[in-house]
PDB file of all heavy atoms in Angstrom:
ATOM      1  N   ASN A   1      71.039 -58.305 162.557  1.00  0.00           N
ATOM      2  CA  ASN A   1      69.756 -57.510 162.493  1.00  0.00           C
ATOM      3  C   ASN A   1      69.607 -56.489 163.551  1.00  0.00           C
ATOM      4  O   ASN A   1      69.157 -55.380 163.288  1.00  0.00           O
ATOM      5  CB  ASN A   1      68.580 -58.467 162.635  1.00  0.00           C
ATOM      6  CG  ASN A   1      68.467 -59.345 161.284  1.00  0.00           C
ATOM      7  OD1 ASN A   1      68.941 -58.959 160.216  1.00  0.00           O
ATOM      8  ND2 ASN A   1      67.768 -60.465 161.421  1.00  0.00           N
ATOM      9  N   TYR A   2      70.036 -56.812 164.776  1.00  0.00           N
ATOM     10  CA  TYR A   2      69.982 -55.832 165.814  1.00  0.00           C
ATOM     11  C   TYR A   2      70.920 -54.626 165.558  1.00  0.00           C
ATOM     12  O   TYR A   2      70.491 -53.455 165.795  1.00  0.00           O
ATOM     13  CB  TYR A   2      70.388 -56.539 167.182  1.00  0.00           C
ATOM     14  CG  TYR A   2      70.470 -55.572 168.305  1.00  0.00           C
ATOM     15  CD1 TYR A   2      69.365 -55.003 168.911  1.00  0.00           C
ATOM     16  CD2 TYR A   2      71.754 -55.196 168.872  1.00  0.00           C
ATOM     17  CE1 TYR A   2      69.408 -54.119 169.902  1.00  0.00           C
ATOM     18  CE2 TYR A   2      71.860 -54.254 169.831  1.00  0.00           C
ATOM     19  CZ  TYR A   2      70.649 -53.761 170.444  1.00  0.00           C
ATOM     20  OH  TYR A   2      70.865 -52.885 171.419  1.00  0.00           O
ATOM     21  N   ILE A   3      72.162 -54.901 165.167  1.00  0.00           N
ATOM     22  CA  ILE A   3      73.105 -53.799 164.873  1.00  0.00           C
ATOM     23  C   ILE A   3      72.613 -52.961 163.732  1.00  0.00           C
ATOM     24  O   ILE A   3      72.695 -51.715 163.859  1.00  0.00           O
ATOM     25  CB  ILE A   3      74.470 -54.447 164.488  1.00  0.00           C
ATOM     26  CG1 ILE A   3      75.094 -55.064 165.812  1.00  0.00           C
ATOM     27  CG2 ILE A   3      75.435 -53.471 163.911  1.00  0.00           C
ATOM     28  CD1 ILE A   3      76.357 -55.729 165.596  1.00  0.00           C
ATOM     29  N   VAL A   4      72.049 -53.588 162.629  1.00  0.00           N
ATOM     30  CA  VAL A   4      71.574 -52.709 161.516  1.00  0.00           C
ATOM     31  C   VAL A   4      70.450 -51.928 161.907  1.00  0.00           C
ATOM     32  O   VAL A   4      70.314 -50.801 161.569  1.00  0.00           O
ATOM     33  CB  VAL A   4      71.304 -53.616 160.270  1.00  0.00           C
ATOM     34  CG1 VAL A   4      70.618 -52.917 159.253  1.00  0.00           C
ATOM     35  CG2 VAL A   4      72.551 -54.354 159.710  1.00  0.00           C
ATOM     36  N   GLY A   5      69.589 -52.500 162.812  1.00  0.00           N
ATOM     37  CA  GLY A   5      68.380 -51.745 163.242  1.00  0.00           C
ATOM     38  C   GLY A   5      68.770 -50.645 164.130  1.00  0.00           C
ATOM     39  O   GLY A   5      68.074 -49.591 164.048  1.00  0.00           O
ATOM     40  N   MET A   6      69.810 -50.754 164.981  1.00  0.00           N
ATOM     41  CA  MET A   6      70.167 -49.774 165.836  1.00  0.00           C
ATOM     42  C   MET A   6      70.941 -48.564 165.051  1.00  0.00           C
ATOM     43  O   MET A   6      70.916 -47.473 165.553  1.00  0.00           O
ATOM     44  CB  MET A   6      71.175 -50.256 166.889  1.00  0.00           C
ATOM     45  CG  MET A   6      70.481 -51.043 167.921  1.00  0.00           C
ATOM     46  SD  MET A   6      69.321 -50.164 168.959  1.00  0.00           S
ATOM     47  CE  MET A   6      70.407 -48.891 169.747  1.00  0.00           C
ATOM     48  N   GLY A   7      71.510 -48.898 163.885  1.00  0.00           N
ATOM     49  CA  GLY A   7      72.201 -47.856 163.140  1.00  0.00           C
ATOM     50  C   GLY A   7      71.450 -46.588 162.783  1.00  0.00           C
ATOM     51  O   GLY A   7      71.850 -45.547 162.849  1.00  0.00           O
ATOM     52  N   PHE A   8      70.124 -46.870 162.346  1.00  0.00           N
ATOM     53  CA  PHE A   8      69.399 -45.716 161.814  1.00  0.00           C
ATOM     54  C   PHE A   8      67.941 -45.661 162.298  1.00  0.00           C
ATOM     55  O   PHE A   8      67.237 -44.815 161.972  1.00  0.00           O
ATOM     56  CB  PHE A   8      69.328 -45.702 160.270  1.00  0.00           C
ATOM     57  CG  PHE A   8      70.540 -45.170 159.651  1.00  0.00           C
ATOM     58  CD1 PHE A   8      71.528 -45.976 159.242  1.00  0.00           C
ATOM     59  CD2 PHE A   8      70.743 -43.850 159.529  1.00  0.00           C
ATOM     60  CE1 PHE A   8      72.757 -45.534 158.667  1.00  0.00           C
ATOM     61  CE2 PHE A   8      71.939 -43.268 159.027  1.00  0.00           C
ATOM     62  CZ  PHE A   8      72.946 -44.102 158.532  1.00  0.00           C
ATOM     63  N   THR A   9      67.608 -46.598 163.333  1.00  0.00           N
ATOM     64  CA  THR A   9      66.283 -46.447 163.796  1.00  0.00           C
ATOM     65  C   THR A   9      66.196 -45.734 165.226  1.00  0.00           C
ATOM     66  O   THR A   9      65.127 -45.621 165.747  1.00  0.00           O
ATOM     67  CB  THR A   9      65.579 -47.735 163.920  1.00  0.00           C
ATOM     68  OG1 THR A   9      66.390 -48.610 164.845  1.00  0.00           O
ATOM     69  CG2 THR A   9      65.438 -48.503 162.679  1.00  0.00           C
ATOM     70  N   SER A  10      67.333 -45.243 165.601  1.00  0.00           N
ATOM     71  CA  SER A  10      67.384 -44.534 166.820  1.00  0.00           C
ATOM     72  C   SER A  10      66.813 -43.050 166.595  1.00  0.00           C
ATOM     73  O   SER A  10      66.393 -42.652 165.520  1.00  0.00           O
ATOM     74  CB  SER A  10      68.802 -44.470 167.372  1.00  0.00           C
ATOM     75  OG  SER A  10      69.541 -43.796 166.526  1.00  0.00           O
ATOM     76  N   ALA A  11      66.601 -42.340 167.727  1.00  0.00           N
ATOM     77  CA  ALA A  11      66.038 -41.113 167.604  1.00  0.00           C
ATOM     78  C   ALA A  11      66.894 -40.083 166.794  1.00  0.00           C
ATOM     79  O   ALA A  11      66.361 -39.183 166.149  1.00  0.00           O
ATOM     80  CB  ALA A  11      65.917 -40.411 169.053  1.00  0.00           C
ATOM     81  N   ASP A  12      68.083 -40.253 166.622  1.00  0.00           N
ATOM     82  CA  ASP A  12      68.981 -39.347 165.835  1.00  0.00           C
ATOM     83  C   ASP A  12      69.166 -39.873 164.452  1.00  0.00           C
ATOM     84  O   ASP A  12      70.054 -39.373 163.689  1.00  0.00           O
ATOM     85  CB  ASP A  12      70.268 -39.071 166.598  1.00  0.00           C
ATOM     86  CG  ASP A  12      71.126 -40.325 166.891  1.00  0.00           C
ATOM     87  OD1 ASP A  12      70.594 -41.415 166.756  1.00  0.00           O
ATOM     88  OD2 ASP A  12      72.289 -40.156 167.176  1.00  0.00           O
ATOM     89  N   GLY A  13      68.464 -40.849 163.997  1.00  0.00           N
ATOM     90  CA  GLY A  13      68.715 -41.410 162.654  1.00  0.00           C
ATOM     91  C   GLY A  13      68.288 -40.444 161.619  1.00  0.00           C
ATOM     92  O   GLY A  13      68.896 -40.299 160.541  1.00  0.00           O
ATOM     93  N   ILE A  14      67.205 -39.721 161.793  1.00  0.00           N
ATOM     94  CA  ILE A  14      66.742 -38.639 160.871  1.00  0.00           C
ATOM     95  C   ILE A  14      67.864 -37.579 160.704  1.00  0.00           C
ATOM     96  O   ILE A  14      68.026 -37.162 159.557  1.00  0.00           O
ATOM     97  CB  ILE A  14      65.298 -38.126 161.233  1.00  0.00           C
ATOM     98  CG1 ILE A  14      64.350 -39.347 161.154  1.00  0.00           C
ATOM     99  CG2 ILE A  14      64.996 -37.015 160.418  1.00  0.00           C
ATOM    100  CD1 ILE A  14      62.936 -38.902 161.736  1.00  0.00           C
ATOM    101  N   ARG A  15      68.390 -37.160 161.882  1.00  0.00           N
ATOM    102  CA  ARG A  15      69.432 -36.179 161.811  1.00  0.00           C
ATOM    103  C   ARG A  15      70.613 -36.576 160.973  1.00  0.00           C
ATOM    104  O   ARG A  15      71.125 -35.771 160.125  1.00  0.00           O
ATOM    105  CB  ARG A  15      69.785 -35.856 163.291  1.00  0.00           C
ATOM    106  CG  ARG A  15      70.911 -34.739 163.380  1.00  0.00           C
ATOM    107  CD  ARG A  15      71.504 -34.573 164.677  1.00  0.00           C
ATOM    108  NE  ARG A  15      72.349 -35.710 164.980  1.00  0.00           N
ATOM    109  CZ  ARG A  15      72.455 -36.147 166.215  1.00  0.00           C
ATOM    110  NH1 ARG A  15      71.852 -35.707 167.251  1.00  0.00           N
ATOM    111  NH2 ARG A  15      73.290 -37.251 166.363  1.00  0.00           N
ATOM    112  N   ALA A  16      70.984 -37.911 161.062  1.00  0.00           N
ATOM    113  CA  ALA A  16      72.087 -38.398 160.323  1.00  0.00           C
ATOM    114  C   ALA A  16      71.772 -38.457 158.774  1.00  0.00           C
ATOM    115  O   ALA A  16      72.644 -38.068 158.022  1.00  0.00           O
ATOM    116  CB  ALA A  16      72.432 -39.796 160.720  1.00  0.00           C
ATOM    117  N   VAL A  17      70.556 -38.752 158.455  1.00  0.00           N
ATOM    118  CA  VAL A  17      70.185 -38.633 157.094  1.00  0.00           C
ATOM    119  C   VAL A  17      70.201 -37.261 156.434  1.00  0.00           C
ATOM    120  O   VAL A  17      70.617 -37.084 155.356  1.00  0.00           O
ATOM    121  CB  VAL A  17      68.745 -39.348 156.922  1.00  0.00           C
ATOM    122  CG1 VAL A  17      68.259 -39.165 155.454  1.00  0.00           C
ATOM    123  CG2 VAL A  17      68.844 -40.854 157.192  1.00  0.00           C
ATOM    124  N   ILE A  18      69.606 -36.312 157.314  1.00  0.00           N
ATOM    125  CA  ILE A  18      69.651 -34.900 156.857  1.00  0.00           C
ATOM    126  C   ILE A  18      71.129 -34.407 156.704  1.00  0.00           C
ATOM    127  O   ILE A  18      71.382 -33.803 155.604  1.00  0.00           O
ATOM    128  CB  ILE A  18      68.826 -33.994 157.799  1.00  0.00           C
ATOM    129  CG1 ILE A  18      67.318 -34.454 157.703  1.00  0.00           C
ATOM    130  CG2 ILE A  18      69.019 -32.562 157.514  1.00  0.00           C
ATOM    131  CD1 ILE A  18      66.435 -33.827 158.782  1.00  0.00           C
ATOM    132  N   ILE A  19      71.956 -34.711 157.580  1.00  0.00           N
ATOM    133  CA  ILE A  19      73.383 -34.312 157.520  1.00  0.00           C
ATOM    134  C   ILE A  19      74.011 -34.842 156.301  1.00  0.00           C
ATOM    135  O   ILE A  19      74.662 -34.212 155.544  1.00  0.00           O
ATOM    136  CB  ILE A  19      74.119 -34.635 158.789  1.00  0.00           C
ATOM    137  CG1 ILE A  19      73.675 -33.748 160.008  1.00  0.00           C
ATOM    138  CG2 ILE A  19      75.671 -34.507 158.666  1.00  0.00           C
ATOM    139  CD1 ILE A  19      74.201 -34.212 161.293  1.00  0.00           C
ATOM    140  N   ALA A  20      73.730 -36.144 156.072  1.00  0.00           N
ATOM    141  CA  ALA A  20      74.418 -36.769 154.919  1.00  0.00           C
ATOM    142  C   ALA A  20      73.798 -36.219 153.603  1.00  0.00           C
ATOM    143  O   ALA A  20      74.707 -35.959 152.629  1.00  0.00           O
ATOM    144  CB  ALA A  20      74.009 -38.318 154.916  1.00  0.00           C
ATOM    145  N   LEU A  21      72.618 -35.924 153.524  1.00  0.00           N
ATOM    146  CA  LEU A  21      72.069 -35.356 152.250  1.00  0.00           C
ATOM    147  C   LEU A  21      72.637 -33.848 152.119  1.00  0.00           C
ATOM    148  O   LEU A  21      72.974 -33.504 150.899  1.00  0.00           O
ATOM    149  CB  LEU A  21      70.578 -35.261 152.253  1.00  0.00           C
ATOM    150  CG  LEU A  21      69.848 -36.697 152.077  1.00  0.00           C
ATOM    151  CD1 LEU A  21      68.374 -36.498 152.250  1.00  0.00           C
ATOM    152  CD2 LEU A  21      70.255 -37.233 150.753  1.00  0.00           C
ATOM    153  N   ILE A  22      72.719 -33.047 153.189  1.00  0.00           N
ATOM    154  CA  ILE A  22      73.330 -31.758 152.976  1.00  0.00           C
ATOM    155  C   ILE A  22      74.760 -31.914 152.512  1.00  0.00           C
ATOM    156  O   ILE A  22      75.189 -31.095 151.652  1.00  0.00           O
ATOM    157  CB  ILE A  22      73.224 -31.000 154.341  1.00  0.00           C
ATOM    158  CG1 ILE A  22      71.678 -30.643 154.505  1.00  0.00           C
ATOM    159  CG2 ILE A  22      74.116 -29.672 154.315  1.00  0.00           C
ATOM    160  CD1 ILE A  22      71.445 -30.069 155.926  1.00  0.00           C
ATOM    161  N   VAL A  23      75.585 -32.824 153.160  1.00  0.00           N
ATOM    162  CA  VAL A  23      76.969 -32.997 152.791  1.00  0.00           C
ATOM    163  C   VAL A  23      77.054 -33.386 151.321  1.00  0.00           C
ATOM    164  O   VAL A  23      77.987 -32.990 150.542  1.00  0.00           O
ATOM    165  CB  VAL A  23      77.668 -33.854 153.765  1.00  0.00           C
ATOM    166  CG1 VAL A  23      79.085 -34.357 153.219  1.00  0.00           C
ATOM    167  CG2 VAL A  23      77.875 -33.201 155.062  1.00  0.00           C
ATOM    168  N   SER A  24      76.186 -34.262 150.765  1.00  0.00           N
ATOM    169  CA  SER A  24      76.203 -34.793 149.456  1.00  0.00           C
ATOM    170  C   SER A  24      76.041 -33.535 148.490  1.00  0.00           C
ATOM    171  O   SER A  24      76.561 -33.623 147.429  1.00  0.00           O
ATOM    172  CB  SER A  24      75.141 -35.812 149.230  1.00  0.00           C
ATOM    173  OG  SER A  24      73.860 -35.342 149.282  1.00  0.00           O
ATOM    174  N   GLN A  25      75.328 -32.535 148.824  1.00  0.00           N
ATOM    175  CA  GLN A  25      75.125 -31.486 147.954  1.00  0.00           C
ATOM    176  C   GLN A  25      76.369 -30.524 147.916  1.00  0.00           C
ATOM    177  O   GLN A  25      76.436 -29.687 146.973  1.00  0.00           O
ATOM    178  CB  GLN A  25      73.927 -30.613 148.391  1.00  0.00           C
ATOM    179  CG  GLN A  25      72.565 -31.454 148.350  1.00  0.00           C
ATOM    180  CD  GLN A  25      72.368 -32.112 147.021  1.00  0.00           C
ATOM    181  OE1 GLN A  25      72.440 -31.531 145.992  1.00  0.00           O
ATOM    182  NE2 GLN A  25      72.205 -33.360 147.078  1.00  0.00           N
ATOM    183  N   MET A  26      77.278 -30.675 148.888  1.00  0.00           N
ATOM    184  CA  MET A  26      78.458 -29.909 148.888  1.00  0.00           C
ATOM    185  C   MET A  26      79.628 -30.475 148.206  1.00  0.00           C
ATOM    186  O   MET A  26      80.687 -29.879 148.196  1.00  0.00           O
ATOM    187  CB  MET A  26      78.869 -29.501 150.418  1.00  0.00           C
ATOM    188  CG  MET A  26      77.841 -28.621 151.051  1.00  0.00           C
ATOM    189  SD  MET A  26      78.454 -28.026 152.606  1.00  0.00           S
ATOM    190  CE  MET A  26      77.996 -29.473 153.629  1.00  0.00           C
ATOM    191  N   MET A  27      79.463 -31.724 147.806  1.00  0.00           N
ATOM    192  CA  MET A  27      80.666 -32.505 147.264  1.00  0.00           C
ATOM    193  C   MET A  27      81.146 -31.910 145.937  1.00  0.00           C
ATOM    194  O   MET A  27      80.305 -31.433 145.147  1.00  0.00           O
ATOM    195  CB  MET A  27      80.243 -33.926 147.032  1.00  0.00           C
ATOM    196  CG  MET A  27      80.246 -34.793 148.273  1.00  0.00           C
ATOM    197  SD  MET A  27      79.922 -36.442 147.951  1.00  0.00           S
ATOM    198  CE  MET A  27      81.171 -36.944 146.851  1.00  0.00           C
ATOM    199  N   GLN A  28      82.390 -32.017 145.683  1.00  0.00           N
ATOM    200  CA  GLN A  28      83.031 -31.532 144.448  1.00  0.00           C
ATOM    201  C   GLN A  28      82.820 -32.633 143.435  1.00  0.00           C
ATOM    202  O   GLN A  28      82.576 -33.825 143.799  1.00  0.00           O
ATOM    203  CB  GLN A  28      84.391 -31.124 144.599  1.00  0.00           C
ATOM    204  CG  GLN A  28      84.531 -30.063 145.636  1.00  0.00           C
ATOM    205  CD  GLN A  28      84.043 -28.710 145.149  1.00  0.00           C
ATOM    206  OE1 GLN A  28      84.135 -28.392 143.879  1.00  0.00           O
ATOM    207  NE2 GLN A  28      83.495 -28.017 145.998  1.00  0.00           N
ATOM    208  N   LYS A  29      83.120 -32.467 142.211  1.00  0.00           N
ATOM    209  CA  LYS A  29      82.945 -33.403 141.110  1.00  0.00           C
ATOM    210  C   LYS A  29      83.816 -34.685 141.319  1.00  0.00           C
ATOM    211  O   LYS A  29      83.317 -35.841 141.145  1.00  0.00           O
ATOM    212  CB  LYS A  29      83.181 -32.809 139.836  1.00  0.00           C
ATOM    213  CG  LYS A  29      82.939 -33.742 138.654  1.00  0.00           C
ATOM    214  CD  LYS A  29      82.963 -33.114 137.264  1.00  0.00           C
ATOM    215  CE  LYS A  29      82.598 -33.964 136.171  1.00  0.00           C
ATOM    216  NZ  LYS A  29      82.662 -33.207 134.891  1.00  0.00           N
ATOM    217  N   TYR A  30      85.136 -34.533 141.535  1.00  0.00           N
ATOM    218  CA  TYR A  30      86.040 -35.665 141.766  1.00  0.00           C
ATOM    219  C   TYR A  30      86.371 -35.931 143.180  1.00  0.00           C
ATOM    220  O   TYR A  30      87.520 -36.297 143.536  1.00  0.00           O
ATOM    221  CB  TYR A  30      87.257 -35.491 140.840  1.00  0.00           C
ATOM    222  CG  TYR A  30      86.924 -35.380 139.415  1.00  0.00           C
ATOM    223  CD1 TYR A  30      86.994 -34.107 138.714  1.00  0.00           C
ATOM    224  CD2 TYR A  30      86.555 -36.513 138.765  1.00  0.00           C
ATOM    225  CE1 TYR A  30      86.639 -34.163 137.418  1.00  0.00           C
ATOM    226  CE2 TYR A  30      86.158 -36.447 137.337  1.00  0.00           C
ATOM    227  CZ  TYR A  30      86.285 -35.246 136.687  1.00  0.00           C
ATOM    228  OH  TYR A  30      85.931 -35.167 135.424  1.00  0.00           O
ATOM    229  N   ALA A  31      85.484 -35.765 144.082  1.00  0.00           N
ATOM    230  CA  ALA A  31      85.844 -35.926 145.579  1.00  0.00           C
ATOM    231  C   ALA A  31      85.704 -37.344 145.911  1.00  0.00           C
ATOM    232  O   ALA A  31      84.991 -38.208 145.368  1.00  0.00           O
ATOM    233  CB  ALA A  31      84.751 -35.051 146.307  1.00  0.00           C
TER     234      ALA A  31
END
C-alpha cells in the first residue's frame, strides 16, 4: 500500500499523468 501510494501521490504524479496522456496521443496504430 505504501509503494502504490508513493507511485502517483507525490508532487510529480500529475506531471507523470499529463506526460502519459500526451504520449498516448502520439502512438501509432500498431505500436
